[in-house]
Amino acid sequence: MIELYHAMHSTCSQKVRLCLAEKSLAFDSRLVAIDRKEHLTDWYLKLNPNGVVPTLVHDGAIVLDSSVICEYLDEQFPEVRLTPRPALERARMRTWMRYFEEVPTAAVRVPSFNGAFLSRFDGLDEERFRREQADIRPLRKHFYRRMGPKGFSTSDLEASVEQLSSAVHRMDAALVRGPWLLGETYSLADIVVAPLVDRMADLGLDDLWNDGKRPAFAAWFERLRARPAFGEAFPKGARLTEFLRVTSARELLAPGSS
């Protein structure tokens, strides 16, 4: 029995849903209401002391961290393999996965919060924001403190977009040898970065690859979105623009924007 505690719009939840869909694994969906801080309640923190989604429960055993969950699922259910057999190829896959955790996963949060979530903090001064929003988070307290009730600075936003652009550039160079990041092998490397790229597009940053300068990346993303599993992992309500007013990253960076 597989249970997944997740949120529709969470990119980390999306990568696990995509992995499950690619492997045709049924699961019991347990939606966690992030907007109501359900992920910070006592019952959820007993499952996941980090206070984040997703959390996988398999036959009563708890598995945390979205990329770890994907590797766990691939090992437990090997009928559809998403990890290459040769050791060197597995190392290449994990190198990509670690890079995605270090760079675009962290970077995309800045325009996501500035563009979509700041209205949740309207009316909060710095003291209340720290008490009611930042300091209650086991894993991301300092991320919230750096953001503050008014959002990240323009320099933070610029740095994040630069990191995202760098990730697209690096992937495009690898995908010239495509069709996937490991060449002919579709793997967890493609899966874990897919929601980040979809989020970038949702934030108006698809000009990073739709300008004609990164055709290999653009073609990879179209191939990815055409896979049946992609639609299963991104049902209605999975994108921020479907239920929130979103200010694009380009608007946030425009001269004179607050």
C-alpha atoms as a PDB file:
ATOM      1  CA  MET A   1       0.000   0.000   0.000  1.00  0.00           C
ATOM      2  CA  ILE A   2       1.346   3.403  -1.029  1.00  0.00           C
ATOM      3  CA  GLU A   3       0.134   6.630   0.548  1.00  0.00           C
ATOM      4  CA  LEU A   4       1.353   9.997  -0.653  1.00  0.00           C
ATOM      5  CA  TYR A   5       0.949  13.120   1.448  1.00  0.00           C
ATOM      6  CA  HIS A   6       1.311  15.940  -1.043  1.00  0.00           C
ATOM      7  CA  ALA A   7       0.083  19.258  -2.389  1.00  0.00           C
ATOM      8  CA  MET A   8      -1.054  19.782  -5.975  1.00  0.00           C
ATOM      9  CA  HIS A   9       1.118  22.853  -6.621  1.00  0.00           C
ATOM     10  CA  SER A  10       4.232  21.632  -4.785  1.00  0.00           C
ATOM     11  CA  THR A  11       7.038  20.976  -7.269  1.00  0.00           C
ATOM     12  CA  CYS A  12       8.513  18.355  -4.956  1.00  0.00           C
ATOM     13  CA  SER A  13       5.146  16.593  -4.799  1.00  0.00           C
ATOM     14  CA  GLN A  14       4.885  16.786  -8.579  1.00  0.00           C
ATOM     15  CA  LYS A  15       8.162  14.963  -9.139  1.00  0.00           C
ATOM     16  CA  VAL A  16       6.983  12.068  -6.964  1.00  0.00           C
ATOM     17  CA  ARG A  17       3.600  11.972  -8.716  1.00  0.00           C
ATOM     18  CA  LEU A  18       5.418  11.896 -12.053  1.00  0.00           C
ATOM     19  CA  CYS A  19       7.585   9.008 -10.889  1.00  0.00           C
ATOM     20  CA  LEU A  20       4.528   7.099  -9.679  1.00  0.00           C
ATOM     21  CA  ALA A  21       2.731   7.744 -12.964  1.00  0.00           C
ATOM     22  CA  GLU A  22       5.685   6.594 -15.073  1.00  0.00           C
ATOM     23  CA  LYS A  23       5.756   3.364 -13.096  1.00  0.00           C
ATOM     24  CA  SER A  24       1.937   2.973 -13.223  1.00  0.00           C
ATOM     25  CA  LEU A  25       1.800   2.708  -9.434  1.00  0.00           C
ATOM     26  CA  ALA A  26      -1.524   3.323  -7.735  1.00  0.00           C
ATOM     27  CA  PHE A  27      -1.461   5.300  -4.507  1.00  0.00           C
ATOM     28  CA  ASP A  28      -3.793   6.723  -1.906  1.00  0.00           C
ATOM     29  CA  SER A  29      -3.719  10.503  -2.242  1.00  0.00           C
ATOM     30  CA  ARG A  30      -3.553  12.480   0.994  1.00  0.00           C
ATOM     31  CA  LEU A  31      -3.723  16.161   0.109  1.00  0.00           C
ATOM     32  CA  VAL A  32      -2.103  18.487   2.631  1.00  0.00           C
ATOM     33  CA  ALA A  33      -3.490  22.034   2.819  1.00  0.00           C
ATOM     34  CA  ILE A  34      -0.354  24.165   2.700  1.00  0.00           C
ATOM     35  CA  ASP A  35      -2.320  27.431   2.758  1.00  0.00           C
ATOM     36  CA  ARG A  36      -3.816  26.396   6.096  1.00  0.00           C
ATOM     37  CA  LYS A  37      -0.411  25.268   7.445  1.00  0.00           C
ATOM     38  CA  GLU A  38      -1.582  21.683   7.727  1.00  0.00           C
ATOM     39  CA  HIS A  39       2.010  20.590   7.064  1.00  0.00           C
ATOM     40  CA  LEU A  40       2.989  22.267  10.358  1.00  0.00           C
ATOM     41  CA  THR A  41       0.377  20.570  12.544  1.00  0.00           C
ATOM     42  CA  ASP A  42       1.361  18.042  15.180  1.00  0.00           C
ATOM     43  CA  TRP A  43      -0.091  15.068  13.326  1.00  0.00           C
ATOM     44  CA  TYR A  44       1.836  15.844  10.144  1.00  0.00           C
ATOM     45  CA  LEU A  45       5.099  16.655  11.928  1.00  0.00           C
ATOM     46  CA  LYS A  46       4.951  13.176  13.447  1.00  0.00           C
ATOM     47  CA  LEU A  47       5.083  11.856   9.881  1.00  0.00           C
ATOM     48  CA  ASN A  48       7.566  14.386   8.557  1.00  0.00           C
ATOM     49  CA  PRO A  49       9.526  16.397  11.147  1.00  0.00           C
ATOM     50  CA  ASN A  50      10.767  18.681   8.373  1.00  0.00           C
ATOM     51  CA  GLY A  51       7.257  20.073   7.953  1.00  0.00           C
ATOM     52  CA  VAL A  52       7.301  19.885   4.155  1.00  0.00           C
ATOM     53  CA  VAL A  53       5.602  17.832   1.443  1.00  0.00           C
ATOM     54  CA  PRO A  54       5.708  15.212   0.102  1.00  0.00           C
ATOM     55  CA  THR A  55       5.817  12.274   2.488  1.00  0.00           C
ATOM     56  CA  LEU A  56       5.536   8.702   1.255  1.00  0.00           C
ATOM     57  CA  VAL A  57       4.195   5.893   3.427  1.00  0.00           C
ATOM     58  CA  HIS A  58       4.748   2.416   1.979  1.00  0.00           C
ATOM     59  CA  ASP A  59       3.330  -0.496   3.951  1.00  0.00           C
ATOM     60  CA  GLY A  60       3.618   1.619   7.085  1.00  0.00           C
ATOM     61  CA  ALA A  61       7.232   2.704   6.469  1.00  0.00           C
ATOM     62  CA  ILE A  62       7.837   6.448   6.065  1.00  0.00           C
ATOM     63  CA  VAL A  63      10.137   7.795   3.365  1.00  0.00           C
ATOM     64  CA  LEU A  64      11.087  11.489   3.233  1.00  0.00           C
ATOM     65  CA  ASP A  65      12.610  13.852   0.641  1.00  0.00           C
ATOM     66  CA  SER A  66      11.181  13.870  -2.851  1.00  0.00           C
ATOM     67  CA  SER A  67      14.304  12.733  -4.714  1.00  0.00           C
ATOM     68  CA  VAL A  68      14.954  10.013  -2.151  1.00  0.00           C
ATOM     69  CA  ILE A  69      11.335   8.908  -2.529  1.00  0.00           C
ATOM     70  CA  CYS A  70      11.794   8.621  -6.306  1.00  0.00           C
ATOM     71  CA  GLU A  71      14.902   6.469  -5.893  1.00  0.00           C
ATOM     72  CA  TYR A  72      13.147   4.355  -3.277  1.00  0.00           C
ATOM     73  CA  LEU A  73      10.187   3.743  -5.598  1.00  0.00           C
ATOM     74  CA  ASP A  74      12.487   2.791  -8.446  1.00  0.00           C
ATOM     75  CA  GLU A  75      14.292   0.272  -6.261  1.00  0.00           C
ATOM     76  CA  GLN A  76      11.133  -1.172  -4.729  1.00  0.00           C
ATOM     77  CA  PHE A  77       9.228  -1.440  -8.008  1.00  0.00           C
ATOM     78  CA  PRO A  78      11.822  -2.237 -10.699  1.00  0.00           C
ATOM     79  CA  GLU A  79       9.385  -3.482 -13.348  1.00  0.00           C
ATOM     80  CA  VAL A  80       9.645  -0.082 -15.052  1.00  0.00           C
ATOM     81  CA  ARG A  81      13.231   1.054 -14.560  1.00  0.00           C
ATOM     82  CA  LEU A  82      14.016   4.744 -14.283  1.00  0.00           C
ATOM     83  CA  THR A  83      17.617   4.231 -13.175  1.00  0.00           C
ATOM     84  CA  PRO A  84      20.251   2.992 -15.644  1.00  0.00           C
ATOM     85  CA  ARG A  85      22.057  -0.275 -14.893  1.00  0.00           C
ATOM     86  CA  PRO A  86      25.684   0.748 -15.591  1.00  0.00           C
ATOM     87  CA  ALA A  87      27.329   2.264 -12.507  1.00  0.00           C
ATOM     88  CA  LEU A  88      28.780   5.184 -14.435  1.00  0.00           C
ATOM     89  CA  GLU A  89      25.382   6.080 -15.883  1.00  0.00           C
ATOM     90  CA  ARG A  90      23.825   5.898 -12.419  1.00  0.00           C
ATOM     91  CA  ALA A  91      26.532   8.269 -11.208  1.00  0.00           C
ATOM     92  CA  ARG A  92      25.737  10.672 -14.058  1.00  0.00           C
ATOM     93  CA  MET A  93      22.055  10.533 -13.165  1.00  0.00           C
ATOM     94  CA  ARG A  94      22.734  11.274  -9.502  1.00  0.00           C
ATOM     95  CA  THR A  95      25.099  14.099 -10.430  1.00  0.00           C
ATOM     96  CA  TRP A  96      22.236  15.754 -12.284  1.00  0.00           C
ATOM     97  CA  MET A  97      19.861  15.114  -9.389  1.00  0.00           C
ATOM     98  CA  ARG A  98      22.208  16.712  -6.850  1.00  0.00           C
ATOM     99  CA  TYR A  99      22.738  19.693  -9.134  1.00  0.00           C
ATOM    100  CA  PHE A 100      18.986  20.157  -9.480  1.00  0.00           C
ATOM    101  CA  GLU A 101      18.611  20.095  -5.700  1.00  0.00           C
ATOM    102  CA  GLU A 102      21.397  22.639  -5.226  1.00  0.00           C
ATOM    103  CA  VAL A 103      20.528  25.102  -7.990  1.00  0.00           C
ATOM    104  CA  PRO A 104      17.095  25.251  -9.697  1.00  0.00           C
ATOM    105  CA  THR A 105      15.099  23.725  -6.817  1.00  0.00           C
ATOM    106  CA  ALA A 106      16.225  26.486  -4.481  1.00  0.00           C
ATOM    107  CA  ALA A 107      16.262  29.218  -7.110  1.00  0.00           C
ATOM    108  CA  VAL A 108      12.697  28.760  -8.355  1.00  0.00           C
ATOM    109  CA  ARG A 109      11.296  29.367  -4.872  1.00  0.00           C
ATOM    110  CA  VAL A 110      12.248  33.062  -4.985  1.00  0.00           C
ATOM    111  CA  PRO A 111      10.126  34.099  -8.003  1.00  0.00           C
ATOM    112  CA  SER A 112       7.416  31.660  -6.865  1.00  0.00           C
ATOM    113  CA  PHE A 113       7.011  33.394  -3.520  1.00  0.00           C
ATOM    114  CA  ASN A 114       7.459  36.940  -4.822  1.00  0.00           C
ATOM    115  CA  GLY A 115       5.093  36.342  -7.713  1.00  0.00           C
ATOM    116  CA  ALA A 116       2.349  34.286  -6.082  1.00  0.00           C
ATOM    117  CA  PHE A 117       2.391  33.945  -2.310  1.00  0.00           C
ATOM    118  CA  LEU A 118       3.124  37.356  -0.789  1.00  0.00           C
ATOM    119  CA  SER A 119      -0.551  38.232  -0.451  1.00  0.00           C
ATOM    120  CA  ARG A 120      -0.740  35.613   2.314  1.00  0.00           C
ATOM    121  CA  PHE A 121       1.383  37.906   4.469  1.00  0.00           C
ATOM    122  CA  ASP A 122      -0.524  41.153   3.935  1.00  0.00           C
ATOM    123  CA  GLY A 123      -0.786  43.188   7.112  1.00  0.00           C
ATOM    124  CA  LEU A 124       2.018  41.397   8.941  1.00  0.00           C
ATOM    125  CA  ASP A 125       4.873  43.458  10.327  1.00  0.00           C
ATOM    126  CA  GLU A 126       8.326  41.953  10.657  1.00  0.00           C
ATOM    127  CA  GLU A 127       7.798  40.757  14.217  1.00  0.00           C
ATOM    128  CA  ARG A 128       4.477  39.042  13.520  1.00  0.00           C
ATOM    129  CA  PHE A 129       5.814  37.556  10.309  1.00  0.00           C
ATOM    130  CA  ARG A 130       8.722  35.969  12.148  1.00  0.00           C
ATOM    131  CA  ARG A 131       6.501  34.665  14.931  1.00  0.00           C
ATOM    132  CA  GLU A 132       3.577  33.443  12.821  1.00  0.00           C
ATOM    133  CA  GLN A 133       5.256  32.441   9.565  1.00  0.00           C
ATOM    134  CA  ALA A 134       9.027  31.965   9.802  1.00  0.00           C
ATOM    135  CA  ASP A 135       9.926  30.616  13.215  1.00  0.00           C
ATOM    136  CA  ILE A 136       7.310  27.859  13.171  1.00  0.00           C
ATOM    137  CA  ARG A 137       9.011  26.104  10.232  1.00  0.00           C
ATOM    138  CA  PRO A 138      11.485  23.354  11.138  1.00  0.00           C
ATOM    139  CA  LEU A 139      13.305  23.322   7.793  1.00  0.00           C
ATOM    140  CA  ARG A 140      12.761  26.693   6.136  1.00  0.00           C
ATOM    141  CA  LYS A 141      12.799  29.184   8.999  1.00  0.00           C
ATOM    142  CA  HIS A 142      15.757  31.117   7.601  1.00  0.00           C
ATOM    143  CA  PHE A 143      14.386  31.058   4.066  1.00  0.00           C
ATOM    144  CA  TYR A 144      11.254  32.797   5.371  1.00  0.00           C
ATOM    145  CA  ARG A 145      13.270  35.200   7.509  1.00  0.00           C
ATOM    146  CA  ARG A 146      15.330  36.216   4.483  1.00  0.00           C
ATOM    147  CA  MET A 147      12.155  36.740   2.478  1.00  0.00           C
ATOM    148  CA  GLY A 148      10.255  38.727   5.105  1.00  0.00           C
ATOM    149  CA  PRO A 149       6.651  39.933   4.722  1.00  0.00           C
ATOM    150  CA  LYS A 150       7.550  42.144   1.742  1.00  0.00           C
ATOM    151  CA  GLY A 151       9.299  39.478  -0.301  1.00  0.00           C
ATOM    152  CA  PHE A 152      12.789  38.886  -1.554  1.00  0.00           C
ATOM    153  CA  SER A 153      14.938  41.757  -2.742  1.00  0.00           C
ATOM    154  CA  THR A 154      15.468  42.551  -6.414  1.00  0.00           C
ATOM    155  CA  SER A 155      19.049  41.314  -6.115  1.00  0.00           C
ATOM    156  CA  ASP A 156      17.782  37.980  -4.744  1.00  0.00           C
ATOM    157  CA  LEU A 157      15.334  37.712  -7.634  1.00  0.00           C
ATOM    158  CA  GLU A 158      18.006  38.575 -10.192  1.00  0.00           C
ATOM    159  CA  ALA A 159      20.359  35.981  -8.728  1.00  0.00           C
ATOM    160  CA  SER A 160      17.646  33.310  -8.841  1.00  0.00           C
ATOM    161  CA  VAL A 161      16.766  33.999 -12.478  1.00  0.00           C
ATOM    162  CA  GLU A 162      20.473  33.904 -13.331  1.00  0.00           C
ATOM    163  CA  GLN A 163      20.759  30.487 -11.653  1.00  0.00           C
ATOM    164  CA  LEU A 164      17.720  29.208 -13.530  1.00  0.00           C
ATOM    165  CA  SER A 165      19.136  30.473 -16.799  1.00  0.00           C
ATOM    166  CA  SER A 166      22.421  28.726 -16.026  1.00  0.00           C
ATOM    167  CA  ALA A 167      20.586  25.458 -15.371  1.00  0.00           C
ATOM    168  CA  VAL A 168      18.726  25.706 -18.679  1.00  0.00           C
ATOM    169  CA  HIS A 169      22.016  26.409 -20.480  1.00  0.00           C
ATOM    170  CA  ARG A 170      23.731  23.408 -18.869  1.00  0.00           C
ATOM    171  CA  MET A 171      20.851  21.099 -19.686  1.00  0.00           C
ATOM    172  CA  ASP A 172      20.634  22.334 -23.273  1.00  0.00           C
ATOM    173  CA  ALA A 173      24.305  21.503 -23.810  1.00  0.00           C
ATOM    174  CA  ALA A 174      23.735  17.959 -22.537  1.00  0.00           C
ATOM    175  CA  LEU A 175      20.502  17.490 -24.486  1.00  0.00           C
ATOM    176  CA  VAL A 176      22.256  18.061 -27.790  1.00  0.00           C
ATOM    177  CA  ARG A 177      23.233  14.407 -27.309  1.00  0.00           C
ATOM    178  CA  GLY A 178      19.609  13.681 -26.238  1.00  0.00           C
ATOM    179  CA  PRO A 179      16.743  12.989 -26.422  1.00  0.00           C
ATOM    180  CA  TRP A 180      17.086  12.774 -22.618  1.00  0.00           C
ATOM    181  CA  LEU A 181      19.629  14.021 -20.109  1.00  0.00           C
ATOM    182  CA  LEU A 182      21.368  10.632 -20.161  1.00  0.00           C
ATOM    183  CA  GLY A 183      21.144  10.322 -23.921  1.00  0.00           C
ATOM    184  CA  GLU A 184      18.804   7.523 -24.971  1.00  0.00           C
ATOM    185  CA  THR A 185      17.812   6.683 -21.387  1.00  0.00           C
ATOM    186  CA  TYR A 186      14.826   8.424 -19.815  1.00  0.00           C
ATOM    187  CA  SER A 187      15.613   8.515 -16.115  1.00  0.00           C
ATOM    188  CA  LEU A 188      14.935  10.040 -12.725  1.00  0.00           C
ATOM    189  CA  ALA A 189      17.167  12.934 -13.777  1.00  0.00           C
ATOM    190  CA  ASP A 190      14.508  14.024 -16.286  1.00  0.00           C
ATOM    191  CA  ILE A 191      11.715  13.395 -13.798  1.00  0.00           C
ATOM    192  CA  VAL A 192      13.053  15.412 -10.853  1.00  0.00           C
ATOM    193  CA  VAL A 193      13.714  18.542 -12.924  1.00  0.00           C
ATOM    194  CA  ALA A 194      10.474  18.435 -14.940  1.00  0.00           C
ATOM    195  CA  PRO A 195       8.294  20.202 -12.307  1.00  0.00           C
ATOM    196  CA  LEU A 196      10.902  22.928 -11.894  1.00  0.00           C
ATOM    197  CA  VAL A 197      10.832  23.663 -15.600  1.00  0.00           C
ATOM    198  CA  ASP A 198       7.033  23.599 -15.631  1.00  0.00           C
ATOM    199  CA  ARG A 199       7.059  26.088 -12.739  1.00  0.00           C
ATOM    200  CA  MET A 200       9.494  28.320 -14.645  1.00  0.00           C
ATOM    201  CA  ALA A 201       7.082  28.346 -17.572  1.00  0.00           C
ATOM    202  CA  ASP A 202       4.197  29.124 -15.207  1.00  0.00           C
ATOM    203  CA  LEU A 203       6.200  32.098 -13.900  1.00  0.00           C
ATOM    204  CA  GLY A 204       6.776  33.458 -17.400  1.00  0.00           C
ATOM    205  CA  LEU A 205      10.387  32.334 -17.658  1.00  0.00           C
ATOM    206  CA  ASP A 206       9.902  30.085 -20.679  1.00  0.00           C
ATOM    207  CA  ASP A 207      11.667  32.765 -22.726  1.00  0.00           C
ATOM    208  CA  LEU A 208      14.849  31.187 -21.346  1.00  0.00           C
ATOM    209  CA  TRP A 209      14.402  28.379 -23.885  1.00  0.00           C
ATOM    210  CA  ASN A 210      11.752  29.598 -26.332  1.00  0.00           C
ATOM    211  CA  ASP A 211      13.985  32.298 -27.790  1.00  0.00           C
ATOM    212  CA  GLY A 212      15.416  29.903 -30.370  1.00  0.00           C
ATOM    213  CA  LYS A 213      18.817  29.789 -28.686  1.00  0.00           C
ATOM    214  CA  ARG A 214      18.247  26.557 -26.749  1.00  0.00           C
ATOM    215  CA  PRO A 215      16.398  24.294 -29.194  1.00  0.00           C
ATOM    216  CA  ALA A 216      17.569  21.033 -27.602  1.00  0.00           C
ATOM    217  CA  PHE A 217      16.086  22.059 -24.254  1.00  0.00           C
ATOM    218  CA  ALA A 218      12.837  23.244 -25.834  1.00  0.00           C
ATOM    219  CA  ALA A 219      12.451  19.957 -27.735  1.00  0.00           C
ATOM    220  CA  TRP A 220      13.187  17.950 -24.555  1.00  0.00           C
ATOM    221  CA  PHE A 221      10.463  19.762 -22.630  1.00  0.00           C
ATOM    222  CA  GLU A 222       7.937  19.187 -25.410  1.00  0.00           C
ATOM    223  CA  ARG A 223       8.803  15.468 -25.445  1.00  0.00           C
ATOM    224  CA  LEU A 224       8.430  15.349 -21.685  1.00  0.00           C
ATOM    225  CA  ARG A 225       5.030  17.073 -21.690  1.00  0.00           C
ATOM    226  CA  ALA A 226       3.799  14.690 -24.387  1.00  0.00           C
ATOM    227  CA  ARG A 227       4.303  11.650 -22.158  1.00  0.00           C
ATOM    228  CA  PRO A 228       1.007  10.331 -20.713  1.00  0.00           C
ATOM    229  CA  ALA A 229       2.483  10.309 -17.201  1.00  0.00           C
ATOM    230  CA  PHE A 230       3.062  14.049 -17.341  1.00  0.00           C
ATOM    231  CA  GLY A 231      -0.645  14.783 -17.603  1.00  0.00           C
ATOM    232  CA  GLU A 232      -1.351  12.450 -14.675  1.00  0.00           C
ATOM    233  CA  ALA A 233       1.191  14.248 -12.498  1.00  0.00           C
ATOM    234  CA  PHE A 234      -0.153  17.702 -13.365  1.00  0.00           C
ATOM    235  CA  PRO A 235      -3.955  17.570 -13.004  1.00  0.00           C
ATOM    236  CA  LYS A 236      -6.100  20.669 -12.763  1.00  0.00           C
ATOM    237  CA  GLY A 237      -4.881  22.894  -9.955  1.00  0.00           C
ATOM    238  CA  ALA A 238      -1.243  21.842 -10.213  1.00  0.00           C
ATOM    239  CA  ARG A 239      -0.063  25.200 -11.570  1.00  0.00           C
ATOM    240  CA  LEU A 240      -0.031  28.440  -9.626  1.00  0.00           C
ATOM    241  CA  THR A 241      -1.709  30.420 -12.402  1.00  0.00           C
ATOM    242  CA  GLU A 242      -4.731  28.114 -12.195  1.00  0.00           C
ATOM    243  CA  PHE A 243      -5.745  29.302  -8.730  1.00  0.00           C
ATOM    244  CA  LEU A 244      -3.667  32.390  -7.867  1.00  0.00           C
ATOM    245  CA  ARG A 245      -2.960  35.770  -9.361  1.00  0.00           C
ATOM    246  CA  VAL A 246       0.654  35.423 -10.409  1.00  0.00           C
ATOM    247  CA  THR A 247       3.038  38.232 -11.266  1.00  0.00           C
ATOM    248  CA  SER A 248       5.584  36.923 -13.752  1.00  0.00           C
ATOM    249  CA  ALA A 249       9.264  37.012 -12.897  1.00  0.00           C
ATOM    250  CA  ARG A 250       9.849  39.376 -15.818  1.00  0.00           C
ATOM    251  CA  GLU A 251       7.286  41.832 -14.435  1.00  0.00           C
ATOM    252  CA  LEU A 252       8.940  41.631 -11.029  1.00  0.00           C
ATOM    253  CA  LEU A 253      12.280  42.492 -12.612  1.00  0.00           C
ATOM    254  CA  ALA A 254      10.938  45.322 -14.767  1.00  0.00           C
ATOM    255  CA  PRO A 255      12.302  48.800 -13.974  1.00  0.00           C
ATOM    256  CA  GLY A 256      10.132  50.592 -11.457  1.00  0.00           C
ATOM    257  CA  SER A 257       8.519  47.428 -10.077  1.00  0.00           C
ATOM    258  CA  SER A 258       8.206  47.367  -6.292  1.00  0.00           C
END
